[in-house]
N, C-alpha and C. Protein backbone atom coordinates (compact mmCIF):
# COMPACT_ATOMS: atom_id res chain seq x y z
N UNK A 1 240.75 271.80 109.70
CA UNK A 1 240.94 270.39 110.02
C UNK A 1 239.75 269.60 109.48
N UNK A 2 240.03 268.47 108.89
CA UNK A 2 238.98 267.59 108.40
C UNK A 2 238.76 266.52 109.46
N UNK A 3 237.51 266.35 109.83
CA UNK A 3 237.19 265.43 110.93
C UNK A 3 237.68 264.02 110.66
N UNK A 4 237.69 263.64 109.40
CA UNK A 4 238.14 262.30 109.01
C UNK A 4 239.63 262.08 109.31
N UNK A 5 240.41 263.19 109.27
CA UNK A 5 241.86 263.09 109.48
C UNK A 5 242.22 262.72 110.92
N UNK A 6 241.35 262.99 111.86
CA UNK A 6 241.65 262.78 113.28
C UNK A 6 242.01 261.34 113.57
N UNK A 7 241.25 260.41 113.00
CA UNK A 7 241.46 259.00 113.31
C UNK A 7 242.23 258.25 112.22
N UNK A 8 242.68 258.95 111.20
CA UNK A 8 243.40 258.28 110.12
C UNK A 8 244.76 257.80 110.60
N UNK A 9 245.08 256.55 110.31
CA UNK A 9 246.37 255.99 110.68
C UNK A 9 246.41 255.41 112.08
N UNK A 10 245.33 255.57 112.84
CA UNK A 10 245.30 255.01 114.19
C UNK A 10 244.67 253.63 114.11
N UNK A 11 245.41 252.62 114.61
CA UNK A 11 244.90 251.26 114.61
C UNK A 11 244.56 250.85 116.03
N UNK A 12 243.49 250.08 116.15
CA UNK A 12 243.08 249.65 117.48
C UNK A 12 244.08 248.66 118.06
N UNK A 13 244.50 247.71 117.26
CA UNK A 13 245.47 246.72 117.70
C UNK A 13 246.71 246.80 116.82
N UNK A 14 247.81 247.24 117.40
CA UNK A 14 249.05 247.41 116.65
C UNK A 14 249.73 246.06 116.47
N UNK A 15 250.21 245.79 115.25
CA UNK A 15 250.89 244.53 115.00
C UNK A 15 252.25 244.54 115.69
N UNK A 16 252.65 243.39 116.22
CA UNK A 16 253.92 243.33 116.91
C UNK A 16 255.08 243.39 115.91
N UNK A 17 256.24 243.88 116.37
CA UNK A 17 257.43 243.97 115.54
C UNK A 17 258.05 242.58 115.40
N UNK A 18 258.07 242.06 114.18
CA UNK A 18 258.64 240.73 113.96
C UNK A 18 260.11 240.90 113.57
N UNK A 19 260.98 240.69 114.56
CA UNK A 19 262.41 240.92 114.33
C UNK A 19 263.07 239.62 113.86
N UNK A 20 264.19 239.79 113.14
CA UNK A 20 264.95 238.63 112.67
C UNK A 20 264.25 237.89 111.54
N UNK A 21 263.51 238.63 110.69
CA UNK A 21 262.79 238.00 109.59
C UNK A 21 263.25 238.53 108.23
N UNK A 22 264.56 238.73 108.10
CA UNK A 22 265.14 239.12 106.81
C UNK A 22 265.39 240.61 106.70
N UNK A 23 266.30 240.95 105.80
CA UNK A 23 266.72 242.35 105.65
C UNK A 23 265.60 243.23 105.10
N UNK A 24 264.71 242.68 104.34
CA UNK A 24 263.62 243.45 103.75
C UNK A 24 262.66 244.00 104.80
N UNK A 25 262.60 243.39 105.95
CA UNK A 25 261.68 243.84 106.99
C UNK A 25 262.19 245.09 107.70
N UNK A 26 263.49 245.36 107.58
CA UNK A 26 264.09 246.48 108.30
C UNK A 26 264.54 246.10 109.69
N UNK A 27 264.21 244.89 110.11
CA UNK A 27 264.63 244.41 111.43
C UNK A 27 265.29 243.05 111.31
N UNK A 28 266.07 242.88 110.26
CA UNK A 28 266.77 241.61 110.06
C UNK A 28 268.18 241.68 110.61
N UNK A 29 269.00 240.74 110.27
CA UNK A 29 270.41 240.65 110.67
C UNK A 29 270.61 240.83 112.16
N UNK A 30 270.87 242.05 112.65
CA UNK A 30 271.14 242.23 114.09
C UNK A 30 269.85 242.39 114.90
N UNK A 31 268.72 242.43 114.26
CA UNK A 31 267.41 242.49 114.91
C UNK A 31 267.26 243.65 115.89
N UNK A 32 267.74 244.83 115.48
CA UNK A 32 267.57 246.03 116.30
C UNK A 32 268.49 246.13 117.49
N UNK A 33 269.47 245.20 117.59
CA UNK A 33 270.38 245.21 118.74
C UNK A 33 271.71 245.91 118.45
N UNK A 34 271.94 246.29 117.24
CA UNK A 34 273.21 246.94 116.89
C UNK A 34 274.33 245.92 116.78
N UNK A 35 275.56 246.41 116.67
CA UNK A 35 276.71 245.54 116.52
C UNK A 35 277.49 245.45 117.81
N UNK A 36 277.86 244.25 118.20
CA UNK A 36 278.69 243.98 119.38
C UNK A 36 278.16 244.66 120.65
N UNK A 37 278.95 244.71 121.67
CA UNK A 37 278.57 245.40 122.90
C UNK A 37 277.63 244.59 123.78
N UNK A 38 277.43 245.10 124.97
CA UNK A 38 276.64 244.41 126.00
C UNK A 38 275.19 244.22 125.56
N UNK A 39 274.62 245.24 124.92
CA UNK A 39 273.23 245.19 124.51
C UNK A 39 272.93 244.17 123.44
N UNK A 40 273.94 243.74 122.72
CA UNK A 40 273.73 242.77 121.65
C UNK A 40 273.71 241.34 122.19
N UNK A 41 274.19 241.15 123.42
CA UNK A 41 274.30 239.81 123.99
C UNK A 41 272.96 239.33 124.57
N UNK A 42 272.81 238.02 124.59
CA UNK A 42 271.63 237.43 125.22
C UNK A 42 271.70 237.66 126.73
N UNK A 43 270.58 237.97 127.33
CA UNK A 43 270.54 238.16 128.77
C UNK A 43 270.92 239.56 129.22
N UNK A 44 271.15 240.47 128.28
CA UNK A 44 271.53 241.82 128.67
C UNK A 44 270.31 242.59 129.15
N UNK A 45 270.49 243.41 130.17
CA UNK A 45 269.40 244.26 130.65
C UNK A 45 270.00 245.45 131.38
N UNK A 46 269.29 246.58 131.34
CA UNK A 46 269.77 247.76 132.05
C UNK A 46 269.22 247.76 133.46
N UNK A 47 269.99 248.27 134.39
CA UNK A 47 269.50 248.33 135.77
C UNK A 47 268.46 249.44 135.91
N UNK A 48 267.68 249.36 136.97
CA UNK A 48 266.64 250.33 137.25
C UNK A 48 267.25 251.71 137.41
N UNK A 49 266.72 252.69 136.71
CA UNK A 49 267.19 254.06 136.83
C UNK A 49 268.36 254.39 135.92
N UNK A 50 268.79 253.45 135.07
CA UNK A 50 269.91 253.70 134.16
C UNK A 50 269.48 254.67 133.08
N UNK A 51 270.31 255.70 132.82
CA UNK A 51 269.96 256.74 131.86
C UNK A 51 271.01 256.85 130.77
N UNK A 52 271.53 255.74 130.32
CA UNK A 52 272.46 255.74 129.20
C UNK A 52 273.80 256.37 129.52
N UNK A 53 274.26 256.27 130.74
CA UNK A 53 275.56 256.84 131.12
C UNK A 53 275.44 258.22 131.70
N UNK A 54 274.32 258.91 131.47
CA UNK A 54 274.08 260.21 132.10
C UNK A 54 273.91 259.98 133.60
N UNK A 55 274.28 260.98 134.39
CA UNK A 55 274.13 260.85 135.84
C UNK A 55 272.65 260.67 136.16
N UNK A 56 272.28 259.56 136.77
CA UNK A 56 270.86 259.29 137.01
C UNK A 56 270.19 260.33 137.91
N UNK A 57 268.90 260.50 137.71
CA UNK A 57 268.13 261.49 138.46
C UNK A 57 268.28 261.30 139.97
N UNK A 58 268.28 260.08 140.41
CA UNK A 58 268.40 259.80 141.84
C UNK A 58 269.70 260.34 142.41
N UNK A 59 270.76 260.30 141.61
CA UNK A 59 272.06 260.80 142.09
C UNK A 59 272.21 262.30 141.87
N UNK A 60 271.44 262.88 140.92
CA UNK A 60 271.52 264.33 140.67
C UNK A 60 270.79 265.13 141.74
N UNK A 61 269.71 264.57 142.28
CA UNK A 61 268.89 265.29 143.25
C UNK A 61 269.57 265.30 144.61
N UNK A 62 269.60 266.47 145.24
CA UNK A 62 270.23 266.60 146.55
C UNK A 62 269.45 265.83 147.60
N UNK A 63 270.17 265.13 148.45
CA UNK A 63 269.53 264.37 149.52
C UNK A 63 270.04 264.92 150.85
N UNK A 64 269.17 265.70 151.52
CA UNK A 64 269.57 266.35 152.75
C UNK A 64 268.59 265.98 153.84
N UNK A 65 269.09 265.71 155.02
CA UNK A 65 268.22 265.48 156.16
C UNK A 65 267.78 264.04 156.30
N UNK A 66 266.85 263.84 157.20
CA UNK A 66 266.38 262.50 157.54
C UNK A 66 264.87 262.54 157.63
N UNK A 67 264.22 261.53 157.09
CA UNK A 67 262.76 261.44 157.16
C UNK A 67 262.39 260.20 157.95
N UNK A 68 261.63 260.39 158.99
CA UNK A 68 261.29 259.30 159.89
C UNK A 68 259.97 258.60 159.51
N UNK A 69 259.40 258.95 158.37
CA UNK A 69 258.06 258.48 158.00
C UNK A 69 257.94 256.96 157.98
N UNK A 70 258.98 256.28 157.53
CA UNK A 70 258.89 254.82 157.43
C UNK A 70 258.87 254.14 158.80
N UNK A 71 259.34 254.83 159.81
CA UNK A 71 259.37 254.26 161.16
C UNK A 71 258.23 254.77 162.04
N UNK A 72 257.52 255.80 161.57
CA UNK A 72 256.48 256.42 162.38
C UNK A 72 255.29 255.48 162.55
N UNK A 73 254.57 255.63 163.65
CA UNK A 73 253.38 254.83 163.92
C UNK A 73 252.25 255.31 163.01
N UNK A 74 251.66 254.39 162.27
CA UNK A 74 250.56 254.74 161.37
C UNK A 74 249.24 254.63 162.14
N UNK A 75 248.54 255.75 162.18
CA UNK A 75 247.32 255.83 162.98
C UNK A 75 246.10 255.92 162.07
N UNK A 76 245.14 255.00 162.28
CA UNK A 76 243.85 255.06 161.58
C UNK A 76 242.89 255.83 162.47
N UNK A 77 242.24 256.86 161.91
CA UNK A 77 241.37 257.70 162.74
C UNK A 77 239.90 257.49 162.38
N UNK A 78 239.07 257.53 163.43
CA UNK A 78 237.61 257.42 163.26
C UNK A 78 236.98 258.46 164.18
N UNK A 79 236.04 259.22 163.63
CA UNK A 79 235.36 260.23 164.43
C UNK A 79 234.15 259.65 165.15
N UNK A 80 233.76 260.30 166.24
CA UNK A 80 232.65 259.87 167.07
C UNK A 80 231.34 259.89 166.26
N UNK A 81 231.18 260.91 165.41
CA UNK A 81 229.96 261.01 164.59
C UNK A 81 229.84 259.83 163.63
N UNK A 82 230.95 259.33 163.13
CA UNK A 82 230.95 258.16 162.24
C UNK A 82 230.48 256.92 162.98
N UNK A 83 230.94 256.77 164.22
CA UNK A 83 230.51 255.65 165.04
C UNK A 83 229.00 255.71 165.29
N UNK A 84 228.51 256.92 165.55
CA UNK A 84 227.08 257.12 165.81
C UNK A 84 226.23 256.74 164.60
N UNK A 85 226.72 257.04 163.40
CA UNK A 85 225.99 256.73 162.17
C UNK A 85 226.07 255.25 161.80
N UNK A 86 227.17 254.58 162.15
CA UNK A 86 227.43 253.23 161.65
C UNK A 86 227.02 252.10 162.59
N UNK A 87 226.89 252.39 163.87
CA UNK A 87 226.60 251.32 164.84
C UNK A 87 225.26 251.55 165.53
N UNK A 88 224.66 250.46 166.01
CA UNK A 88 223.39 250.53 166.73
C UNK A 88 223.63 250.72 168.22
N UNK A 89 222.58 251.13 168.91
CA UNK A 89 222.65 251.36 170.35
C UNK A 89 223.00 250.06 171.08
N UNK A 90 224.02 250.12 171.94
CA UNK A 90 224.42 248.94 172.72
C UNK A 90 225.48 248.08 172.06
N UNK A 91 225.93 248.43 170.86
CA UNK A 91 226.96 247.65 170.17
C UNK A 91 228.33 247.84 170.81
N UNK A 92 229.20 246.83 170.58
CA UNK A 92 230.59 246.93 170.98
C UNK A 92 231.41 247.21 169.73
N UNK A 93 232.11 248.32 169.74
CA UNK A 93 232.91 248.73 168.59
C UNK A 93 234.32 248.20 168.76
N UNK A 94 234.71 247.26 167.88
CA UNK A 94 236.07 246.70 167.91
C UNK A 94 236.79 247.08 166.62
N UNK A 95 238.08 246.80 166.58
CA UNK A 95 238.88 247.09 165.39
C UNK A 95 238.35 246.27 164.21
N UNK A 96 238.00 245.00 164.47
CA UNK A 96 237.47 244.14 163.40
C UNK A 96 236.14 244.65 162.89
N UNK A 97 235.30 245.13 163.79
CA UNK A 97 233.99 245.67 163.40
C UNK A 97 234.16 246.92 162.52
N UNK A 98 235.14 247.74 162.86
CA UNK A 98 235.42 248.95 162.06
C UNK A 98 235.90 248.57 160.66
N UNK A 99 236.71 247.51 160.58
CA UNK A 99 237.20 247.04 159.27
C UNK A 99 236.05 246.49 158.43
N UNK A 100 235.18 245.71 159.05
CA UNK A 100 234.05 245.11 158.32
C UNK A 100 233.10 246.17 157.78
N UNK A 101 232.90 247.25 158.53
CA UNK A 101 232.02 248.33 158.08
C UNK A 101 232.71 249.25 157.08
N UNK A 102 234.03 249.06 156.87
CA UNK A 102 234.76 249.88 155.91
C UNK A 102 235.15 251.24 156.43
N UNK A 103 235.14 251.42 157.74
CA UNK A 103 235.49 252.71 158.34
C UNK A 103 237.00 252.91 158.42
N UNK A 104 237.74 251.79 158.50
CA UNK A 104 239.20 251.85 158.45
C UNK A 104 239.67 250.80 157.46
N UNK A 105 240.74 251.10 156.76
CA UNK A 105 241.28 250.15 155.79
C UNK A 105 242.77 250.40 155.62
N UNK A 106 243.41 249.51 154.91
CA UNK A 106 244.84 249.66 154.65
C UNK A 106 245.67 249.21 155.84
N UNK A 107 246.94 249.59 155.80
CA UNK A 107 247.86 249.19 156.85
C UNK A 107 247.94 250.29 157.90
N UNK A 108 247.80 249.91 159.17
CA UNK A 108 247.91 250.85 160.27
C UNK A 108 248.39 250.10 161.50
N UNK A 109 248.94 250.85 162.46
CA UNK A 109 249.44 250.26 163.70
C UNK A 109 248.42 250.39 164.83
N UNK A 110 247.80 251.58 164.92
CA UNK A 110 246.85 251.84 165.99
C UNK A 110 245.60 252.53 165.45
N UNK A 111 244.50 252.40 166.19
CA UNK A 111 243.25 253.08 165.86
C UNK A 111 243.01 254.15 166.91
N UNK A 112 242.71 255.37 166.45
CA UNK A 112 242.44 256.46 167.37
C UNK A 112 241.03 257.00 167.11
N UNK A 113 240.28 257.19 168.18
CA UNK A 113 238.94 257.74 168.09
C UNK A 113 239.03 259.23 168.41
N UNK A 114 238.52 260.05 167.47
CA UNK A 114 238.54 261.50 167.64
C UNK A 114 237.14 262.01 167.95
N UNK A 115 237.04 263.20 168.54
CA UNK A 115 235.78 263.72 169.06
C UNK A 115 234.98 264.61 168.14
N UNK A 116 235.19 264.56 166.83
CA UNK A 116 234.43 265.42 165.92
C UNK A 116 233.00 264.90 165.80
N UNK A 117 232.04 265.79 165.96
CA UNK A 117 230.63 265.41 165.86
C UNK A 117 230.04 265.05 167.21
N UNK A 118 228.81 264.54 167.15
CA UNK A 118 228.08 264.18 168.37
C UNK A 118 227.77 262.69 168.37
N UNK A 119 227.58 262.13 169.56
CA UNK A 119 227.20 260.73 169.70
C UNK A 119 226.02 260.64 170.66
N UNK A 120 224.99 259.89 170.24
CA UNK A 120 223.79 259.78 171.07
C UNK A 120 223.55 258.34 171.52
N UNK A 121 224.28 257.39 170.92
CA UNK A 121 224.07 255.98 171.24
C UNK A 121 225.04 255.51 172.32
N UNK A 122 224.59 254.50 173.05
CA UNK A 122 225.42 253.92 174.11
C UNK A 122 226.29 252.84 173.48
N UNK A 123 227.56 253.15 173.27
CA UNK A 123 228.49 252.22 172.61
C UNK A 123 229.65 251.91 173.53
N UNK A 124 230.11 250.67 173.46
CA UNK A 124 231.36 250.29 174.13
C UNK A 124 232.43 250.28 173.06
N UNK A 125 233.38 251.18 173.15
CA UNK A 125 234.38 251.36 172.09
C UNK A 125 235.74 250.84 172.55
N UNK A 126 236.30 249.93 171.74
CA UNK A 126 237.64 249.40 171.99
C UNK A 126 238.59 249.96 170.94
N UNK A 127 239.59 250.70 171.37
CA UNK A 127 240.59 251.27 170.45
C UNK A 127 241.90 251.46 171.19
N UNK A 128 242.94 251.76 170.44
CA UNK A 128 244.26 251.95 171.04
C UNK A 128 244.39 253.31 171.69
N UNK A 129 243.76 254.32 171.07
CA UNK A 129 243.88 255.68 171.59
C UNK A 129 242.54 256.40 171.49
N UNK A 130 242.34 257.36 172.39
CA UNK A 130 241.14 258.19 172.38
C UNK A 130 241.57 259.63 172.61
N UNK A 131 240.94 260.57 171.90
CA UNK A 131 241.18 261.97 172.23
C UNK A 131 240.35 262.27 173.48
N UNK A 132 240.71 263.33 174.19
CA UNK A 132 240.02 263.69 175.42
C UNK A 132 238.55 263.96 175.16
N UNK A 133 238.27 264.71 174.08
CA UNK A 133 236.87 265.06 173.77
C UNK A 133 236.07 263.81 173.38
N UNK A 134 236.71 262.87 172.67
CA UNK A 134 236.01 261.65 172.26
C UNK A 134 235.64 260.81 173.47
N UNK A 135 236.57 260.63 174.40
CA UNK A 135 236.29 259.82 175.58
C UNK A 135 235.19 260.47 176.43
N UNK A 136 235.19 261.81 176.53
CA UNK A 136 234.16 262.52 177.29
C UNK A 136 232.79 262.33 176.65
N UNK A 137 232.72 262.44 175.32
CA UNK A 137 231.45 262.32 174.61
C UNK A 137 230.89 260.89 174.69
N UNK A 138 231.76 259.90 174.56
CA UNK A 138 231.32 258.50 174.63
C UNK A 138 230.77 258.19 176.02
N UNK A 139 231.48 258.63 177.05
CA UNK A 139 231.05 258.37 178.42
C UNK A 139 229.81 259.18 178.79
N UNK A 140 229.67 260.36 178.22
CA UNK A 140 228.49 261.20 178.49
C UNK A 140 227.23 260.58 177.91
N UNK A 141 227.38 259.82 176.81
CA UNK A 141 226.22 259.18 176.17
C UNK A 141 225.88 257.86 176.85
N UNK A 142 226.62 257.47 177.88
CA UNK A 142 226.35 256.25 178.63
C UNK A 142 227.19 255.08 178.19
N UNK A 143 228.07 255.29 177.24
CA UNK A 143 228.93 254.21 176.74
C UNK A 143 230.19 254.07 177.54
N UNK A 144 231.04 253.17 177.10
CA UNK A 144 232.31 252.94 177.78
C UNK A 144 233.46 252.87 176.80
N UNK A 145 234.66 253.11 177.31
CA UNK A 145 235.85 253.03 176.45
C UNK A 145 236.81 251.97 177.03
N UNK A 146 237.43 251.23 176.15
CA UNK A 146 238.43 250.24 176.53
C UNK A 146 239.68 250.50 175.70
N UNK A 147 240.78 250.80 176.37
CA UNK A 147 242.03 251.08 175.68
C UNK A 147 242.78 249.78 175.42
N UNK A 148 243.08 249.53 174.15
CA UNK A 148 243.83 248.33 173.77
C UNK A 148 245.32 248.62 173.88
N UNK A 149 246.09 247.64 174.28
CA UNK A 149 247.54 247.80 174.37
C UNK A 149 248.18 247.57 173.02
N UNK A 150 249.28 248.27 172.78
CA UNK A 150 250.04 248.04 171.53
C UNK A 150 251.50 248.26 171.78
């Protein structure tokens, strides 16, 4: 292989196809639309998933059962050790505070505090759910928990 051959014929900016500019261009007369038919008409477009008359992939794949994922409650989780690292002693941990610190993001329905790690600071934590170990650790460090309704 010659190193020069690797990049030969590759252009950084490809020129656009100028259709309907005479027969000499190779894209004159019907301008790449063929003769007659739906595709030759103005405003024609194929629907999403159309495979040229072949049975579309969506219809070929077996669809069995039911998935409840779209209806399930989306839970954002935060560990006790993360709270200990991110907040100062005596702070109140709210859902908004967690968002501002970047500990939770995206779309979620409830926030759950889990008990992984240790906590040494006295924090008042407001969340929708708490694991048993998380609530024990927060209260053991002198903090408090407030369960939010949802």
